[in-house]
Amino acid sequence: MRTMFLYKIEIELEDQIAYLILLAADDVQAFEFMESHVARHYVKAPIIKSAAIVEKKRPEVGIGYFIEASMS
């Protein structure tokens, strides 16, 4: 069985910062999945200024990420 990882990716778009949580086998696959998720989420795909892996964990029962939302 292939080892998988749970990724938290920070994505800087032109007008906002977004976070994506996804399961992938490696960093390359995570970035490929990230691009397809962003494209599917918007009617018109936004320009991605940058993307970075913020956290990477082995999946296990109860694992997760806490994401804070700013109130503006």
PDB file of N, CA and C in Angstrom:
ATOM      1  N   MET A   1       0.840  -1.188   0.000  1.00  0.00           N
ATOM      2  CA  MET A   1       0.000   0.000   0.000  1.00  0.00           C
ATOM      3  C   MET A   1       0.881   1.246   0.000  1.00  0.00           C
ATOM      4  N   ARG A   2       0.499   2.206  -0.777  1.00  0.00           N
ATOM      5  CA  ARG A   2       1.260   3.441  -0.927  1.00  0.00           C
ATOM      6  C   ARG A   2       1.032   4.364   0.268  1.00  0.00           C
ATOM      7  N   THR A   3       2.082   4.987   0.757  1.00  0.00           N
ATOM      8  CA  THR A   3       1.972   5.944   1.854  1.00  0.00           C
ATOM      9  C   THR A   3       1.314   7.214   1.348  1.00  0.00           C
ATOM     10  N   MET A   4       0.360   7.707   2.098  1.00  0.00           N
ATOM     11  CA  MET A   4      -0.339   8.939   1.742  1.00  0.00           C
ATOM     12  C   MET A   4      -0.087   9.974   2.837  1.00  0.00           C
ATOM     13  N   PHE A   5      -0.268  11.237   2.474  1.00  0.00           N
ATOM     14  CA  PHE A   5      -0.105  12.333   3.421  1.00  0.00           C
ATOM     15  C   PHE A   5      -1.285  13.286   3.314  1.00  0.00           C
ATOM     16  N   LEU A   6      -1.617  13.903   4.428  1.00  0.00           N
ATOM     17  CA  LEU A   6      -2.644  14.936   4.474  1.00  0.00           C
ATOM     18  C   LEU A   6      -1.915  16.276   4.416  1.00  0.00           C
ATOM     19  N   TYR A   7      -2.260  17.084   3.430  1.00  0.00           N
ATOM     20  CA  TYR A   7      -1.594  18.355   3.201  1.00  0.00           C
ATOM     21  C   TYR A   7      -2.503  19.534   3.516  1.00  0.00           C
ATOM     22  N   LYS A   8      -1.920  20.569   4.085  1.00  0.00           N
ATOM     23  CA  LYS A   8      -2.575  21.868   4.232  1.00  0.00           C
ATOM     24  C   LYS A   8      -1.772  22.818   3.354  1.00  0.00           C
ATOM     25  N   ILE A   9      -2.413  23.334   2.314  1.00  0.00           N
ATOM     26  CA  ILE A   9      -1.740  24.196   1.343  1.00  0.00           C
ATOM     27  C   ILE A   9      -2.325  25.603   1.419  1.00  0.00           C
ATOM     28  N   GLU A  10      -1.441  26.588   1.551  1.00  0.00           N
ATOM     29  CA  GLU A  10      -1.855  27.996   1.530  1.00  0.00           C
ATOM     30  C   GLU A  10      -1.716  28.496   0.099  1.00  0.00           C
ATOM     31  N   ILE A  11      -2.805  29.072  -0.411  1.00  0.00           N
ATOM     32  CA  ILE A  11      -2.837  29.528  -1.800  1.00  0.00           C
ATOM     33  C   ILE A  11      -3.069  31.036  -1.813  1.00  0.00           C
ATOM     34  N   GLU A  12      -2.139  31.762  -2.416  1.00  0.00           N
ATOM     35  CA  GLU A  12      -2.294  33.214  -2.544  1.00  0.00           C
ATOM     36  C   GLU A  12      -2.860  33.515  -3.927  1.00  0.00           C
ATOM     37  N   LEU A  13      -4.087  34.039  -3.930  1.00  0.00           N
ATOM     38  CA  LEU A  13      -4.727  34.463  -5.164  1.00  0.00           C
ATOM     39  C   LEU A  13      -4.561  35.971  -5.279  1.00  0.00           C
ATOM     40  N   GLU A  14      -5.061  36.564  -6.339  1.00  0.00           N
ATOM     41  CA  GLU A  14      -4.905  38.011  -6.534  1.00  0.00           C
ATOM     42  C   GLU A  14      -5.521  38.827  -5.409  1.00  0.00           C
ATOM     43  N   ASP A  15      -6.659  38.373  -4.873  1.00  0.00           N
ATOM     44  CA  ASP A  15      -7.378  39.198  -3.900  1.00  0.00           C
ATOM     45  C   ASP A  15      -7.644  38.515  -2.559  1.00  0.00           C
ATOM     46  N   GLN A  16      -7.083  37.335  -2.348  1.00  0.00           N
ATOM     47  CA  GLN A  16      -7.331  36.633  -1.090  1.00  0.00           C
ATOM     48  C   GLN A  16      -6.323  35.517  -0.863  1.00  0.00           C
ATOM     49  N   ILE A  17      -6.310  35.046   0.372  1.00  0.00           N
ATOM     50  CA  ILE A  17      -5.534  33.864   0.743  1.00  0.00           C
ATOM     51  C   ILE A  17      -6.546  32.750   1.022  1.00  0.00           C
ATOM     52  N   ALA A  18      -6.303  31.581   0.472  1.00  0.00           N
ATOM     53  CA  ALA A  18      -7.197  30.436   0.682  1.00  0.00           C
ATOM     54  C   ALA A  18      -6.369  29.250   1.163  1.00  0.00           C
ATOM     55  N   TYR A  19      -7.042  28.306   1.810  1.00  0.00           N
ATOM     56  CA  TYR A  19      -6.386  27.086   2.294  1.00  0.00           C
ATOM     57  C   TYR A  19      -7.103  25.883   1.718  1.00  0.00           C
ATOM     58  N   LEU A  20      -6.341  24.889   1.348  1.00  0.00           N
ATOM     59  CA  LEU A  20      -6.891  23.647   0.822  1.00  0.00           C
ATOM     60  C   LEU A  20      -6.292  22.490   1.607  1.00  0.00           C
ATOM     61  N   ILE A  21      -7.146  21.584   2.048  1.00  0.00           N
ATOM     62  CA  ILE A  21      -6.715  20.372   2.731  1.00  0.00           C
ATOM     63  C   ILE A  21      -6.959  19.217   1.764  1.00  0.00           C
ATOM     64  N   LEU A  22      -5.933  18.425   1.504  1.00  0.00           N
ATOM     65  CA  LEU A  22      -6.114  17.301   0.588  1.00  0.00           C
ATOM     66  C   LEU A  22      -5.191  16.151   0.924  1.00  0.00           C
ATOM     67  N   LEU A  23      -5.530  14.987   0.402  1.00  0.00           N
ATOM     68  CA  LEU A  23      -4.774  13.759   0.607  1.00  0.00           C
ATOM     69  C   LEU A  23      -4.037  13.444  -0.685  1.00  0.00           C
ATOM     70  N   ALA A  24      -2.719  13.220  -0.588  1.00  0.00           N
ATOM     71  CA  ALA A  24      -1.926  12.909  -1.778  1.00  0.00           C
ATOM     72  C   ALA A  24      -0.753  12.022  -1.390  1.00  0.00           C
ATOM     73  N   ALA A  25      -0.168  11.387  -2.387  1.00  0.00           N
ATOM     74  CA  ALA A  25       0.953  10.474  -2.152  1.00  0.00           C
ATOM     75  C   ALA A  25       2.272  11.212  -1.950  1.00  0.00           C
ATOM     76  N   ASP A  26       2.418  12.383  -2.593  1.00  0.00           N
ATOM     77  CA  ASP A  26       3.657  13.138  -2.459  1.00  0.00           C
ATOM     78  C   ASP A  26       3.405  14.612  -2.765  1.00  0.00           C
ATOM     79  N   ASP A  27       4.448  15.433  -2.592  1.00  0.00           N
ATOM     80  CA  ASP A  27       4.306  16.877  -2.769  1.00  0.00           C
ATOM     81  C   ASP A  27       3.902  17.248  -4.194  1.00  0.00           C
ATOM     82  N   VAL A  28       4.489  16.584  -5.187  1.00  0.00           N
ATOM     83  CA  VAL A  28       4.173  16.882  -6.593  1.00  0.00           C
ATOM     84  C   VAL A  28       2.699  16.630  -6.870  1.00  0.00           C
ATOM     85  N   GLN A  29       2.204  15.492  -6.415  1.00  0.00           N
ATOM     86  CA  GLN A  29       0.799  15.150  -6.619  1.00  0.00           C
ATOM     87  C   GLN A  29      -0.102  16.141  -5.877  1.00  0.00           C
ATOM     88  N   ALA A  30       0.315  16.572  -4.698  1.00  0.00           N
ATOM     89  CA  ALA A  30      -0.481  17.535  -3.928  1.00  0.00           C
ATOM     90  C   ALA A  30      -0.665  18.831  -4.712  1.00  0.00           C
ATOM     91  N   PHE A  31       0.393  19.341  -5.325  1.00  0.00           N
ATOM     92  CA  PHE A  31       0.285  20.577  -6.104  1.00  0.00           C
ATOM     93  C   PHE A  31      -0.553  20.375  -7.373  1.00  0.00           C
ATOM     94  N   GLU A  32      -0.464  19.200  -7.991  1.00  0.00           N
ATOM     95  CA  GLU A  32      -1.304  18.911  -9.159  1.00  0.00           C
ATOM     96  C   GLU A  32      -2.780  18.911  -8.761  1.00  0.00           C
ATOM     97  N   PHE A  33      -3.099  18.246  -7.639  1.00  0.00           N
ATOM     98  CA  PHE A  33      -4.474  18.227  -7.154  1.00  0.00           C
ATOM     99  C   PHE A  33      -4.944  19.619  -6.770  1.00  0.00           C
ATOM    100  N   MET A  34      -4.055  20.414  -6.171  1.00  0.00           N
ATOM    101  CA  MET A  34      -4.405  21.769  -5.742  1.00  0.00           C
ATOM    102  C   MET A  34      -4.877  22.597  -6.935  1.00  0.00           C
ATOM    103  N   GLU A  35      -4.140  22.544  -8.026  1.00  0.00           N
ATOM    104  CA  GLU A  35      -4.520  23.314  -9.215  1.00  0.00           C
ATOM    105  C   GLU A  35      -5.891  22.897  -9.738  1.00  0.00           C
ATOM    106  N   SER A  36      -6.181  21.602  -9.751  1.00  0.00           N
ATOM    107  CA  SER A  36      -7.481  21.152 -10.256  1.00  0.00           C
ATOM    108  C   SER A  36      -8.609  21.533  -9.296  1.00  0.00           C
ATOM    109  N   HIS A  37      -8.356  21.509  -7.989  1.00  0.00           N
ATOM    110  CA  HIS A  37      -9.377  21.922  -7.020  1.00  0.00           C
ATOM    111  C   HIS A  37      -9.703  23.407  -7.170  1.00  0.00           C
ATOM    112  N   VAL A  38      -8.681  24.237  -7.328  1.00  0.00           N
ATOM    113  CA  VAL A  38      -8.907  25.680  -7.505  1.00  0.00           C
ATOM    114  C   VAL A  38      -9.709  25.924  -8.783  1.00  0.00           C
ATOM    115  N   ALA A  39      -9.344  25.271  -9.856  1.00  0.00           N
ATOM    116  CA  ALA A  39     -10.044  25.448 -11.134  1.00  0.00           C
ATOM    117  C   ALA A  39     -11.508  25.029 -11.043  1.00  0.00           C
ATOM    118  N   ARG A  40     -11.800  23.968 -10.288  1.00  0.00           N
ATOM    119  CA  ARG A  40     -13.184  23.498 -10.155  1.00  0.00           C
ATOM    120  C   ARG A  40     -14.008  24.353  -9.203  1.00  0.00           C
ATOM    121  N   HIS A  41     -13.351  25.041  -8.280  1.00  0.00           N
ATOM    122  CA  HIS A  41     -14.068  25.826  -7.269  1.00  0.00           C
ATOM    123  C   HIS A  41     -14.629  27.135  -7.839  1.00  0.00           C
ATOM    124  N   TYR A  42     -13.970  27.705  -8.819  1.00  0.00           N
ATOM    125  CA  TYR A  42     -14.374  28.996  -9.376  1.00  0.00           C
ATOM    126  C   TYR A  42     -14.958  28.827 -10.770  1.00  0.00           C
ATOM    127  N   VAL A  43     -15.875  29.720 -11.133  1.00  0.00           N
ATOM    128  CA  VAL A  43     -16.440  29.708 -12.486  1.00  0.00           C
ATOM    129  C   VAL A  43     -15.330  30.042 -13.477  1.00  0.00           C
ATOM    130  N   LYS A  44     -14.562  31.090 -13.157  1.00  0.00           N
ATOM    131  CA  LYS A  44     -13.392  31.464 -13.953  1.00  0.00           C
ATOM    132  C   LYS A  44     -12.176  31.255 -13.063  1.00  0.00           C
ATOM    133  N   ALA A  45     -11.278  30.386 -13.478  1.00  0.00           N
ATOM    134  CA  ALA A  45     -10.105  30.056 -12.657  1.00  0.00           C
ATOM    135  C   ALA A  45      -9.292  31.314 -12.363  1.00  0.00           C
ATOM    136  N   PRO A  46      -9.012  31.579 -11.080  1.00  0.00           N
ATOM    137  CA  PRO A  46      -8.228  32.758 -10.718  1.00  0.00           C
ATOM    138  C   PRO A  46      -6.731  32.531 -10.972  1.00  0.00           C
ATOM    139  N   ILE A  47      -5.995  33.610 -10.960  1.00  0.00           N
ATOM    140  CA  ILE A  47      -4.545  33.518 -11.081  1.00  0.00           C
ATOM    141  C   ILE A  47      -3.985  33.163  -9.708  1.00  0.00           C
ATOM    142  N   ILE A  48      -3.196  32.111  -9.655  1.00  0.00           N
ATOM    143  CA  ILE A  48      -2.549  31.699  -8.413  1.00  0.00           C
ATOM    144  C   ILE A  48      -1.188  32.392  -8.366  1.00  0.00           C
ATOM    145  N   LYS A  49      -1.019  33.304  -7.407  1.00  0.00           N
ATOM    146  CA  LYS A  49       0.249  34.027  -7.269  1.00  0.00           C
ATOM    147  C   LYS A  49       1.318  33.140  -6.639  1.00  0.00           C
ATOM    148  N   SER A  50       0.914  32.367  -5.633  1.00  0.00           N
ATOM    149  CA  SER A  50       1.845  31.431  -4.999  1.00  0.00           C
ATOM    150  C   SER A  50       1.056  30.371  -4.248  1.00  0.00           C
ATOM    151  N   ALA A  51       1.724  29.272  -3.976  1.00  0.00           N
ATOM    152  CA  ALA A  51       1.129  28.190  -3.190  1.00  0.00           C
ATOM    153  C   ALA A  51       2.251  27.526  -2.413  1.00  0.00           C
ATOM    154  N   ALA A  52       1.963  27.207  -1.156  1.00  0.00           N
ATOM    155  CA  ALA A  52       2.984  26.598  -0.313  1.00  0.00           C
ATOM    156  C   ALA A  52       2.359  25.559   0.613  1.00  0.00           C
ATOM    157  N   ILE A  53       3.079  24.489   0.826  1.00  0.00           N
ATOM    158  CA  ILE A  53       2.654  23.488   1.797  1.00  0.00           C
ATOM    159  C   ILE A  53       2.952  24.047   3.178  1.00  0.00           C
ATOM    160  N   VAL A  54       1.891  24.219   3.971  1.00  0.00           N
ATOM    161  CA  VAL A  54       2.032  24.769   5.312  1.00  0.00           C
ATOM    162  C   VAL A  54       2.253  23.637   6.321  1.00  0.00           C
ATOM    163  N   GLU A  55       1.540  22.532   6.128  1.00  0.00           N
ATOM    164  CA  GLU A  55       1.688  21.367   7.006  1.00  0.00           C
ATOM    165  C   GLU A  55       1.509  20.097   6.185  1.00  0.00           C
ATOM    166  N   LYS A  56       2.155  19.039   6.648  1.00  0.00           N
ATOM    167  CA  LYS A  56       2.075  17.734   5.998  1.00  0.00           C
ATOM    168  C   LYS A  56       2.073  16.694   7.107  1.00  0.00           C
ATOM    169  N   LYS A  57       1.028  15.859   7.146  1.00  0.00           N
ATOM    170  CA  LYS A  57       0.892  14.871   8.213  1.00  0.00           C
ATOM    171  C   LYS A  57       0.510  13.512   7.636  1.00  0.00           C
ATOM    172  N   ARG A  58       0.898  12.474   8.332  1.00  0.00           N
ATOM    173  CA  ARG A  58       0.414  11.135   7.971  1.00  0.00           C
ATOM    174  C   ARG A  58      -1.019  11.018   8.488  1.00  0.00           C
ATOM    175  N   PRO A  59      -1.945  10.544   7.659  1.00  0.00           N
ATOM    176  CA  PRO A  59      -3.327  10.427   8.107  1.00  0.00           C
ATOM    177  C   PRO A  59      -3.498   9.339   9.161  1.00  0.00           C
ATOM    178  N   GLU A  60      -4.275   9.647  10.181  1.00  0.00           N
ATOM    179  CA  GLU A  60      -4.640   8.692  11.217  1.00  0.00           C
ATOM    180  C   GLU A  60      -5.948   9.157  11.831  1.00  0.00           C
ATOM    181  N   VAL A  61      -6.593   8.304  12.555  1.00  0.00           N
ATOM    182  CA  VAL A  61      -7.887   8.633  13.157  1.00  0.00           C
ATOM    183  C   VAL A  61      -7.762   9.886  14.012  1.00  0.00           C
ATOM    184  N   GLY A  62      -8.640  10.826  13.790  1.00  0.00           N
ATOM    185  CA  GLY A  62      -8.687  12.057  14.584  1.00  0.00           C
ATOM    186  C   GLY A  62      -7.794  13.176  14.095  1.00  0.00           C
ATOM    187  N   ILE A  63      -6.974  12.935  13.079  1.00  0.00           N
ATOM    188  CA  ILE A  63      -6.081  13.985  12.594  1.00  0.00           C
ATOM    189  C   ILE A  63      -6.883  15.056  11.867  1.00  0.00           C
ATOM    190  N   GLY A  64      -6.444  16.279  11.946  1.00  0.00           N
ATOM    191  CA  GLY A  64      -7.143  17.357  11.265  1.00  0.00           C
ATOM    192  C   GLY A  64      -6.344  18.642  11.324  1.00  0.00           C
ATOM    193  N   TYR A  65      -6.912  19.679  10.780  1.00  0.00           N
ATOM    194  CA  TYR A  65      -6.303  20.996  10.773  1.00  0.00           C
ATOM    195  C   TYR A  65      -7.301  21.994  11.297  1.00  0.00           C
ATOM    196  N   PHE A  66      -6.821  22.933  12.066  1.00  0.00           N
ATOM    197  CA  PHE A  66      -7.651  24.044  12.551  1.00  0.00           C
ATOM    198  C   PHE A  66      -7.308  25.236  11.674  1.00  0.00           C
ATOM    199  N   ILE A  67      -8.319  25.832  11.046  1.00  0.00           N
ATOM    200  CA  ILE A  67      -8.094  26.972  10.165  1.00  0.00           C
ATOM    201  C   ILE A  67      -8.851  28.163  10.721  1.00  0.00           C
ATOM    202  N   GLU A  68      -8.112  29.226  11.029  1.00  0.00           N
ATOM    203  CA  GLU A  68      -8.725  30.442  11.539  1.00  0.00           C
ATOM    204  C   GLU A  68      -9.238  31.293  10.377  1.00  0.00           C
ATOM    205  N   ALA A  69     -10.383  31.895  10.564  1.00  0.00           N
ATOM    206  CA  ALA A  69     -10.931  32.812   9.562  1.00  0.00           C
ATOM    207  C   ALA A  69     -10.887  34.222  10.159  1.00  0.00           C
ATOM    208  N   SER A  70     -10.350  35.145   9.406  1.00  0.00           N
ATOM    209  CA  SER A  70     -10.275  36.512   9.913  1.00  0.00           C
ATOM    210  C   SER A  70     -11.620  37.201   9.732  1.00  0.00           C
ATOM    211  N   MET A  71     -11.957  38.035  10.689  1.00  0.00           N
ATOM    212  CA  MET A  71     -13.214  38.799  10.642  1.00  0.00           C
ATOM    213  C   MET A  71     -12.846  40.231  10.244  1.00  0.00           C
ATOM    214  N   SER A  72     -13.211  40.622   9.033  1.00  0.00           N
ATOM    215  CA  SER A  72     -12.881  41.979   8.610  1.00  0.00           C
ATOM    216  C   SER A  72     -14.082  42.843   8.419  1.00  0.00           C
TER     217      SER A  72
END
